[in-house]
Protein backbone atom coordinates (compact mmCIF):
# COMPACT_ATOMS: atom_id res chain seq x y z
CA MET A 1 109.10 103.59 82.36
CA SER A 2 105.31 103.71 82.56
CA VAL A 3 103.24 101.27 84.53
CA PRO A 4 102.50 98.26 82.28
CA SER A 5 98.82 98.00 81.41
CA SER A 6 98.94 94.35 82.49
CA ALA A 7 100.12 95.20 86.02
CA ALA A 8 97.85 94.20 88.89
CA ASP A 9 97.26 97.46 90.78
CA TYR A 10 97.15 97.92 94.57
CA ASP A 11 97.39 100.53 97.30
CA PHE A 12 99.96 98.48 99.23
CA ALA A 13 102.12 95.54 98.22
CA VAL A 14 103.68 93.58 101.09
CA VAL A 15 106.63 91.46 99.93
CA GLY A 16 107.11 88.31 101.99
CA ALA A 17 104.35 86.03 103.34
CA GLY A 18 106.14 84.82 106.44
CA ILE A 19 104.79 85.63 109.87
CA VAL A 20 105.83 89.30 109.79
CA GLY A 21 104.63 90.00 106.25
CA SER A 22 101.34 88.17 106.81
CA ALA A 23 100.76 90.11 110.04
CA ILE A 24 101.42 93.42 108.28
CA ALA A 25 99.08 92.57 105.38
CA ARG A 26 96.39 91.62 107.91
CA ALA A 27 96.83 94.92 109.76
CA LEU A 28 96.68 97.02 106.58
CA ALA A 29 93.56 95.15 105.47
CA ALA A 30 91.69 96.74 108.38
CA TYR A 31 91.58 99.87 106.22
CA ASP A 32 89.68 100.63 103.04
CA LEU A 33 92.64 99.68 100.86
CA LYS A 34 93.56 97.21 98.17
CA ILE A 35 96.39 95.03 99.47
CA ALA A 36 98.67 92.48 97.80
CA LEU A 37 100.74 89.94 99.73
CA ILE A 38 103.54 88.66 97.50
CA GLU A 39 105.55 85.50 98.17
CA ALA A 40 108.43 84.11 96.13
CA ARG A 41 107.71 80.56 97.23
CA GLY A 42 104.69 78.42 96.50
CA ASP A 43 103.13 78.72 99.96
CA VAL A 44 102.92 81.06 102.91
CA GLY A 45 105.37 80.44 105.73
CA ASP A 46 107.65 78.30 103.57
CA GLY A 47 110.85 80.21 104.37
CA THR A 48 112.42 81.25 107.67
CA SER A 49 109.06 81.19 109.47
CA LYS A 50 108.62 77.43 109.11
CA ALA A 51 111.90 76.32 110.69
CA ASN A 52 112.63 77.82 114.08
CA THR A 53 112.54 76.86 117.73
CA ALA A 54 108.83 77.78 117.97
CA ILE A 55 109.07 79.56 121.32
CA LEU A 56 106.73 82.32 122.39
CA HIS A 57 109.20 84.63 124.11
CA THR A 58 108.57 86.92 127.07
CA GLY A 59 111.48 89.08 125.91
CA PHE A 60 113.23 88.65 129.24
CA ASP A 61 116.70 88.44 127.66
CA ALA A 62 116.38 91.05 124.90
CA LYS A 63 118.70 94.05 125.00
CA PRO A 64 116.83 96.63 127.12
CA GLY A 65 115.79 99.80 125.35
CA THR A 66 115.85 98.32 121.86
CA LEU A 67 112.96 98.25 119.44
CA GLU A 68 113.25 94.46 119.48
CA SER A 69 112.79 94.37 123.26
CA ARG A 70 109.73 96.60 123.05
CA LEU A 71 108.08 94.70 120.20
CA VAL A 72 108.79 91.22 121.56
CA ARG A 73 107.20 92.22 124.87
CA ARG A 74 104.16 93.69 123.10
CA GLY A 75 104.03 90.78 120.65
CA TYR A 76 103.87 88.27 123.49
CA GLU A 77 100.67 89.95 124.68
CA LEU A 78 99.14 90.29 121.22
CA LEU A 79 99.93 86.77 120.04
CA SER A 80 98.75 85.20 123.30
CA GLU A 81 95.40 86.94 122.85
CA TYR A 82 95.21 86.19 119.12
CA ALA A 83 95.94 82.52 119.74
CA GLY A 84 92.93 82.35 122.03
CA HIS A 85 90.68 83.70 119.26
CA THR A 86 92.08 81.53 116.47
CA GLY A 87 93.00 78.27 118.19
CA ILE A 88 96.76 78.51 117.66
CA PRO A 89 98.08 75.92 120.14
CA ILE A 90 100.25 77.24 122.98
CA GLU A 91 101.63 75.34 125.98
CA ARG A 92 102.79 77.40 128.96
CA THR A 93 105.72 75.16 129.81
CA GLY A 94 108.02 77.78 131.28
CA ALA A 95 111.78 77.79 130.80
CA LEU A 96 114.89 77.21 132.86
CA LEU A 97 118.30 78.68 132.08
CA VAL A 98 120.97 76.31 133.34
CA ALA A 99 124.42 77.44 134.45
CA TRP A 100 127.17 74.84 133.93
CA THR A 101 130.22 76.92 134.86
CA ASP A 102 131.10 79.42 137.60
CA GLU A 103 131.12 82.16 134.97
CA GLU A 104 127.60 81.27 133.84
CA LEU A 105 126.42 81.07 137.46
CA ALA A 106 127.81 84.55 138.11
CA ALA A 107 125.89 85.84 135.08
CA LEU A 108 122.46 84.85 136.42
CA PRO A 109 121.86 87.96 138.59
CA GLY A 110 122.62 90.17 135.60
CA LEU A 111 120.15 88.21 133.46
CA ARG A 112 117.49 88.56 136.13
CA ASP A 113 118.16 92.32 136.28
CA LYS A 114 117.96 92.51 132.48
CA ALA A 115 114.56 90.79 132.61
CA ILE A 116 113.36 93.39 135.12
CA ARG A 117 114.57 96.20 132.86
CA ASN A 118 112.55 94.52 130.11
CA GLU A 119 109.51 94.71 132.41
CA TYR A 120 109.47 90.99 133.08
CA HIS A 121 109.49 90.24 136.80
CA GLY A 122 108.95 86.48 136.89
CA CYS A 123 112.56 85.26 136.90
CA GLU A 124 114.00 83.58 139.98
CA ILE A 125 117.53 82.31 140.63
CA VAL A 126 117.54 78.71 141.90
CA ASP A 127 120.24 76.36 143.13
CA ALA A 128 121.43 73.10 141.60
CA ALA A 129 119.04 71.01 143.67
CA ALA A 130 116.08 72.99 142.31
CA VAL A 131 117.40 72.63 138.76
CA TYR A 132 117.52 68.84 139.01
CA ASP A 133 114.17 68.76 140.78
CA ALA A 134 112.68 70.60 137.78
CA VAL A 135 114.50 68.59 135.08
CA PRO A 136 115.83 65.33 136.58
CA ALA A 137 117.19 64.08 133.24
CA LEU A 138 119.80 66.83 132.94
CA GLY A 139 123.39 65.68 132.75
CA PRO A 140 125.67 66.05 135.75
CA GLY A 141 127.42 69.31 136.59
CA ALA A 142 124.66 71.94 136.63
CA LEU A 143 125.43 74.63 139.23
CA GLY A 144 122.21 76.62 139.28
CA GLY A 145 119.58 78.19 137.10
CA LEU A 146 117.19 81.01 136.34
CA THR A 147 113.48 80.31 135.95
CA VAL A 148 111.36 82.03 133.29
CA PRO A 149 107.84 80.79 134.11
CA ASP A 150 106.04 82.43 131.19
CA GLU A 151 108.13 81.23 128.25
CA SER A 152 105.91 79.02 126.11
CA ILE A 153 105.93 76.74 123.10
CA ILE A 154 103.69 77.49 120.12
CA CYS A 155 102.94 76.20 116.63
CA THR A 156 104.78 78.49 114.24
CA TRP A 157 103.09 76.83 111.23
CA THR A 158 99.58 77.55 112.49
CA THR A 159 100.56 81.08 113.51
CA ASN A 160 101.71 81.95 109.99
CA LEU A 161 98.73 80.28 108.35
CA ALA A 162 96.26 81.98 110.70
CA LEU A 163 97.66 85.45 109.97
CA ALA A 164 97.72 84.87 106.20
CA THR A 165 94.22 83.36 106.26
CA ASP A 166 92.94 86.29 108.30
CA ALA A 167 94.52 88.70 105.82
CA VAL A 168 92.94 86.96 102.82
CA ARG A 169 89.52 86.88 104.49
CA ARG A 170 89.88 90.62 105.02
CA GLY A 171 90.34 91.01 101.27
CA VAL A 172 94.10 90.74 100.74
CA SER A 173 95.18 89.20 97.43
CA LEU A 174 97.82 86.54 98.00
CA HIS A 175 100.24 86.01 95.12
CA THR A 176 102.56 83.01 95.48
CA ASN A 177 105.42 81.97 93.21
CA ARG A 178 106.04 85.66 92.49
CA ARG A 179 109.69 86.51 93.09
CA VAL A 180 110.40 90.25 92.84
CA GLU A 181 113.20 90.67 90.30
CA ALA A 182 113.30 94.44 89.72
CA VAL A 183 111.65 97.64 90.91
CA THR A 184 110.58 100.79 89.05
CA VAL A 185 109.69 103.75 91.30
CA GLU A 186 107.47 106.32 89.57
CA ASP A 187 105.91 109.58 90.74
CA SER A 188 102.84 108.06 92.32
CA ARG A 189 103.31 104.29 92.04
CA THR A 190 105.94 101.57 92.16
CA VAL A 191 106.05 98.62 89.78
CA LEU A 192 107.37 95.35 91.15
CA HIS A 193 108.57 93.28 88.22
CA THR A 194 108.05 89.72 89.38
CA SER A 195 108.86 86.32 87.96
CA ASP A 196 105.23 86.03 86.84
CA GLY A 197 104.34 89.51 85.72
CA PRO A 198 104.26 93.07 87.08
CA ILE A 199 102.44 94.25 90.20
CA SER A 200 101.86 97.95 90.74
CA ALA A 201 101.31 99.57 94.13
CA ARG A 202 101.16 103.00 95.69
CA TRP A 203 103.25 101.77 98.66
CA VAL A 204 105.60 98.82 99.07
CA VAL A 205 106.40 97.09 102.36
CA ASN A 206 109.61 95.05 102.38
CA ALA A 207 109.19 92.05 104.71
CA ALA A 208 111.25 89.79 102.46
CA GLY A 209 113.39 88.21 105.19
CA LEU A 210 116.46 86.64 103.62
CA GLY A 211 115.96 88.76 100.51
CA ALA A 212 115.20 92.04 102.30
CA ASP A 213 118.59 93.62 101.55
CA TYR A 214 118.26 92.85 97.83
CA LEU A 215 114.87 94.56 97.70
CA ASP A 216 116.21 97.46 99.77
CA ASN A 217 119.03 97.87 97.25
CA ALA A 218 116.48 97.97 94.44
CA PHE A 219 114.95 101.03 96.12
CA GLY A 220 118.36 102.74 96.12
CA PHE A 221 119.53 101.96 99.65
CA ALA A 222 122.61 100.21 101.02
CA ARG A 223 121.69 100.12 104.71
CA PHE A 224 122.40 96.54 105.68
CA HIS A 225 123.47 93.12 104.50
CA VAL A 226 121.72 89.83 105.25
CA THR A 227 123.87 86.87 106.24
CA PRO A 228 121.97 83.56 106.15
CA ARG A 229 122.58 81.87 109.51
CA ARG A 230 121.84 78.16 109.41
CA GLY A 231 120.36 76.55 112.48
CA GLU A 232 120.20 72.73 112.54
CA LEU A 233 118.00 70.82 114.99
CA PHE A 234 117.25 67.26 116.06
CA VAL A 235 113.63 66.23 116.63
CA PHE A 236 113.24 63.26 118.97
CA ASP A 237 110.38 60.79 119.07
CA LYS A 238 107.39 61.42 121.34
CA LEU A 239 108.60 58.72 123.73
CA ALA A 240 111.28 61.23 124.78
CA ARG A 241 108.77 63.85 125.91
CA PRO A 242 108.64 62.75 129.60
CA LEU A 243 112.32 63.73 129.87
CA VAL A 244 111.64 67.38 129.01
CA ASN A 245 108.70 69.16 130.60
CA ARG A 246 109.92 72.70 129.97
CA ILE A 247 112.30 74.68 127.76
CA VAL A 248 115.91 74.21 128.93
CA LEU A 249 118.02 77.18 127.88
CA PRO A 250 121.76 77.79 128.05
CA VAL A 251 123.15 80.97 129.58
CA PRO A 252 123.78 83.22 126.57
CA THR A 253 127.31 84.31 125.73
CA ALA A 254 128.87 86.85 123.39
CA LEU A 255 128.77 84.12 120.71
CA GLY A 256 124.98 83.69 120.88
CA LYS A 257 122.16 82.04 122.77
CA GLY A 258 123.48 78.53 122.29
CA VAL A 259 121.78 75.14 122.15
CA LEU A 260 118.50 74.46 123.94
CA VAL A 261 116.40 71.41 124.70
CA SER A 262 112.69 71.98 124.37
CA PRO A 263 109.40 70.15 124.12
CA THR A 264 107.42 70.86 120.96
CA ILE A 265 103.75 71.56 120.56
CA TYR A 266 103.48 68.26 118.63
CA GLY A 267 104.67 66.12 121.57
CA ASN A 268 108.30 65.71 120.48
CA VAL A 269 111.54 67.01 121.95
CA MET A 270 113.87 69.32 120.06
CA LEU A 271 117.63 69.84 120.46
CA GLY A 272 119.38 72.78 118.81
CA PRO A 273 119.94 75.01 117.00
CA THR A 274 123.43 75.34 115.65
CA ALA A 275 124.50 78.76 114.36
CA GLU A 276 126.54 78.77 111.16
CA ASP A 277 126.92 81.82 108.93
CA LEU A 278 126.74 80.96 105.23
CA THR A 279 126.73 82.72 101.88
CA ASP A 280 124.13 80.54 100.16
CA ARG A 281 120.61 81.78 100.98
CA ASN A 282 119.08 78.48 99.92
CA ALA A 283 121.33 76.15 101.97
CA THR A 284 118.69 74.52 104.14
CA GLY A 285 120.25 71.08 104.06
CA THR A 286 121.69 69.50 107.18
CA SER A 287 125.40 68.82 107.58
CA ASP A 288 127.78 66.27 109.11
CA THR A 289 129.33 69.00 111.25
CA GLY A 290 125.90 69.98 112.53
CA VAL A 291 125.13 66.38 113.49
CA GLU A 292 128.44 65.99 115.32
CA PHE A 293 128.01 69.30 117.14
CA LEU A 294 124.50 68.49 118.35
CA LEU A 295 125.49 64.97 119.40
CA GLY A 296 128.24 66.45 121.55
CA LYS A 297 126.01 69.11 123.07
CA GLY A 298 123.21 66.63 123.73
CA ALA A 299 125.52 64.17 125.45
CA LYS A 300 126.46 66.84 127.99
CA LEU A 301 123.06 68.50 128.40
CA MET A 302 120.90 65.38 128.66
CA PRO A 303 122.56 61.99 128.12
CA ALA A 304 119.26 60.13 128.54
CA LEU A 305 117.81 62.04 125.59
CA MET A 306 120.56 60.80 123.32
CA ARG A 307 119.39 57.24 123.88
CA GLU A 308 115.99 58.11 122.39
CA GLU A 309 115.14 57.80 118.69
CA VAL A 310 115.57 60.79 116.40
CA THR A 311 112.48 61.33 114.24
CA ALA A 312 113.99 63.99 111.99
CA MET A 313 116.72 66.53 111.58
CA TYR A 314 116.09 69.81 109.82
CA ALA A 315 117.73 73.15 109.19
CA GLY A 316 116.40 76.67 108.87
CA LEU A 317 118.00 79.94 107.79
CA ARG A 318 117.72 83.07 109.89
CA ALA A 319 118.20 86.49 108.32
CA ALA A 320 121.06 87.86 110.42
CA ILE A 321 121.97 91.45 109.58
CA ASP A 322 124.87 93.75 110.38
CA HIS A 323 122.68 95.95 112.58
CA PRO A 324 122.13 95.50 116.32
CA ASP A 325 118.35 95.96 116.33
CA TYR A 326 115.22 95.60 114.25
CA LEU A 327 115.44 97.90 111.24
CA ILE A 328 111.99 99.37 110.55
CA GLU A 329 111.94 102.63 108.61
CA VAL A 330 109.51 104.52 106.37
CA ASP A 331 110.58 106.51 103.31
CA ALA A 332 107.59 108.69 102.49
CA ASP A 333 109.16 110.04 99.28
CA ARG A 334 109.56 106.59 97.80
CA ARG A 335 106.40 105.30 99.55
CA TYR A 336 108.48 102.46 100.89
CA VAL A 337 108.65 100.66 104.25
CA LEU A 338 111.63 98.53 105.29
CA VAL A 339 111.01 95.80 107.86
CA GLY A 340 114.39 94.10 108.20
CA GLY A 341 116.51 92.20 110.69
CA ILE A 342 113.56 90.75 112.59
CA ARG A 343 115.44 87.51 113.35
CA SER A 344 113.89 84.49 115.04
CA THR A 345 112.02 86.65 117.55
CA GLY A 346 109.68 87.63 114.71
CA LEU A 347 107.45 84.68 115.62
CA THR A 348 106.63 86.41 118.90
CA SER A 349 106.84 90.01 117.74
CA GLY A 350 105.09 89.71 114.36
CA LEU A 351 101.76 91.19 115.44
CA ALA A 352 103.55 93.97 117.31
CA VAL A 353 105.74 94.72 114.28
CA ALA A 354 102.54 95.00 112.22
CA GLU A 355 101.03 97.35 114.82
CA TYR A 356 104.22 99.44 114.81
CA VAL A 357 104.22 99.71 110.99
CA GLU A 358 100.52 100.58 111.05
CA ASN A 359 101.25 103.45 113.46
CA LEU A 360 104.13 104.72 111.30
CA LEU A 361 101.80 104.80 108.28
CA THR A 362 98.83 106.49 109.98
CA GLY A 363 98.71 109.40 107.52
CA ALA A 364 98.77 107.11 104.47
CA LEU A 365 96.07 104.62 105.45
CA GLY A 366 92.80 106.55 105.43
CA PRO A 367 89.68 105.41 107.27
CA ARG A 368 89.36 102.02 108.95
CA ARG A 369 86.73 99.64 107.66
CA ALA A 370 83.51 99.64 109.65
CA GLU A 371 83.41 95.86 109.95
CA LEU A 372 85.93 93.07 109.68
CA PRO A 373 85.35 89.34 109.43
CA ALA A 374 85.91 87.34 112.60
CA PRO A 375 89.38 85.77 112.95
CA PRO A 376 89.61 82.29 111.46
CA ARG A 377 89.37 79.29 113.77
CA MET A 378 92.36 77.15 112.88
CA PRO A 379 92.50 73.34 113.01
CA ASN A 380 94.32 72.14 116.11
CA ILE A 381 97.52 70.19 115.49
CA GLY A 382 98.84 70.53 119.04
CA GLU A 383 99.30 67.31 120.99
CA ALA A 384 98.08 68.70 124.33
CA PHE A 385 94.64 69.59 122.97
CA THR A 386 91.76 67.55 121.56
CA ARG A 387 92.49 66.30 118.07
CA PRO A 388 89.75 65.22 115.62
CA TYR A 389 90.41 61.48 116.08
CA GLN A 390 89.66 61.96 119.81
CA ASP A 391 86.41 63.90 119.29
CA GLY A 392 83.47 61.48 119.33
CA GLU A 393 80.86 64.14 118.51
CA LEU A 394 82.88 65.34 115.52
CA ILE A 395 83.33 61.79 114.25
CA ALA A 396 79.58 61.14 114.65
CA ARG A 397 78.88 64.11 112.39
CA ASP A 398 81.53 63.17 109.82
CA SER A 399 83.09 59.71 109.81
CA ARG A 400 86.14 60.93 107.90
CA TYR A 401 87.46 62.35 111.17
CA GLY A 402 87.47 58.81 112.48
CA LYS A 403 89.54 57.44 109.59
CA ILE A 404 93.21 57.75 110.58
CA VAL A 405 95.51 57.98 107.58
CA CYS A 406 98.80 58.95 109.25
CA PHE A 407 99.14 56.70 112.29
CA CYS A 408 102.35 58.22 113.67
CA GLU A 409 100.69 61.63 114.02
CA ARG A 410 97.03 60.49 114.18
CA VAL A 411 95.97 62.57 111.17
CA THR A 412 92.58 61.80 109.69
CA ALA A 413 91.12 61.86 106.20
CA GLY A 414 88.81 64.66 107.32
CA GLU A 415 91.74 66.90 108.26
CA ILE A 416 93.44 66.32 104.92
CA ARG A 417 90.22 67.16 103.10
CA ASP A 418 89.77 70.30 105.22
CA ALA A 419 93.29 71.47 104.40
CA TYR A 420 92.53 71.38 100.69
CA GLU A 421 89.18 73.11 101.15
CA SER A 422 90.62 75.88 103.33
CA THR A 423 91.16 79.53 102.39
CA ILE A 424 94.83 78.87 101.58
CA PRO A 425 95.20 75.21 100.59
CA PRO A 426 98.61 73.52 100.49
CA THR A 427 100.41 73.44 97.17
CA ASP A 428 102.60 70.43 97.92
CA LEU A 429 103.01 67.66 100.48
CA ASP A 430 105.29 69.79 102.67
CA GLY A 431 102.49 72.35 102.90
CA LEU A 432 100.15 69.56 103.91
CA ARG A 433 102.59 68.52 106.65
CA ARG A 434 102.54 72.03 108.07
CA ARG A 435 98.75 72.12 108.12
CA THR A 436 98.00 68.64 109.47
CA ARG A 437 101.26 66.92 110.65
CA ALA A 438 100.64 64.18 108.06
CA MET A 439 103.84 62.25 107.29
CA ASN A 440 105.68 64.22 109.97
CA GLY A 441 106.07 61.38 112.48
CA ARG A 442 108.65 58.73 113.16
CA CYS A 443 108.14 56.92 109.83
CA GLN A 444 108.36 60.21 107.87
CA GLY A 445 105.68 59.06 105.45
CA PHE A 446 107.09 55.58 104.79
CA PHE A 447 103.89 53.87 105.99
CA CYS A 448 101.23 56.45 105.11
CA GLY A 449 102.79 58.31 102.19
CA ALA A 450 101.02 56.35 99.45
CA GLU A 451 97.58 56.70 101.05
CA VAL A 452 98.07 60.38 101.81
CA THR A 453 99.17 60.99 98.23
CA ALA A 454 96.17 59.10 96.87
CA ILE A 455 93.76 61.22 98.92
CA VAL A 456 95.53 64.39 97.85
CA GLU A 457 95.43 63.48 94.17
CA GLN A 458 91.66 63.01 94.35
CA HIS A 459 91.16 66.62 95.43
CA PRO A 460 90.75 69.25 92.69
CA CYS A 461 92.91 71.79 94.59
CA ALA A 462 95.89 69.43 94.85
CA GLY A 463 98.98 69.69 92.72
CA ARG A 464 98.79 73.38 91.90
CA ALA A 465 102.05 75.19 91.50
CA ALA A 466 100.58 78.25 93.23
CA VAL A 467 97.39 79.90 94.35
CA THR A 468 96.03 83.38 94.31
CA ALA A 469 93.69 83.78 97.24
CA THR A 470 91.34 86.69 97.64
CA ALA A 471 88.63 87.48 100.17
CA GLY A 472 88.16 84.02 101.57
CA THR A 473 88.59 82.00 98.39
CA ALA A 474 91.52 80.23 96.79
CA THR A 475 91.40 79.87 93.02
CA THR A 476 93.76 79.26 90.15
CA SER A 477 94.83 82.34 88.27
CA LYS A 478 96.65 83.01 85.04
CA GLU A 479 98.96 85.43 86.83
CA SER A 480 99.97 82.96 89.53
CA VAL A 481 99.82 79.46 88.08
CA ARG A 482 102.51 78.55 85.62
């Protein structure tokens, strides 16, 4: 089959605009190449990347010697630096692993030794008195703990958007609502037959997350299988935040890492996740069993928290694979790169994964560009940092930053306007939530929903089914808007 004359033509096509795919597209755009970033959904970061525990990991508990351990450790450094340049909010809360049984207490020295083998030397074993001194609201029965002072909380939404925005400003073409349905590999190019027309590329990078095994199969491989693992979480109201000043982790077992209690970058408290293997890759709804499980866990971990109001409950799907490590491989004959099995640690490791892929592809990339645009400065939606409604100088310059629209989350009309005038504007109200926190508070849009919707409907970018963004602009396109 020849390349269709209507196919958009690129040097590299990266499939999947989550954190990992966006980071890879950004890295490849540092070279004199034509890059496409292809996303099946209507917005970047609308899959696995949007619904996780939002922790910037040190990698202290990764399996030593694995690629995951190496890239999480490197990613922690890279993302910490990148956040400083772009304004991604991070809070250095630290973490505390709590042992509730004699078996868990006995496991703490091994976890500390594992951290040292992972080149993290900050862990310290503490007794029960120190545990309760650090987190007084914990339920009774804790026997000891392990401190991890450099674990942090971060905004996963802003991270994904910053990487995708950076990629687009470097010249990457973002194609949303383009699900890859078939693949034709030719002598010098590959055609991705998508739900909205063909895209041709010299190389293809598979960062498709939950769909990565399907795309891998289309290239003739049968290396792994993705099992969607649902994680359900409670989000408690901001009044609960004084109870939880750091990430409280369970001691991991053979069954998984378990349920944590953590502050969020938005001033809430989170409890979860569950871990339930499913067959449906779209099953992001919450469940009665998930509610019951978290209620039981919460009552033991922190009874005082369970007396606080729950703002929301949500579920995310992780792409669990039948392989013990990250699966990143290059097939030069097919001009194909697999980036699979990145799991929830991809938030931390994304930039390092991109760096690793870039190094694997050195011979195929050509010269680096002489100049690159500066990283984007992202709007702050973190509660611990100055927000627009608190900035008198900003309000004096533009009164719309002084007009609060969403009172639960203190989101202003200026921020909503900015979201729709940004490089990658939201395509629906959920996308607006991820960019501004509008309608994400305790009333979940009941009070402000009508006004937010009215403002959105007045903007010419609102209501699009998709966008194609290229080189710092976001415009409608026949190949992306249906």
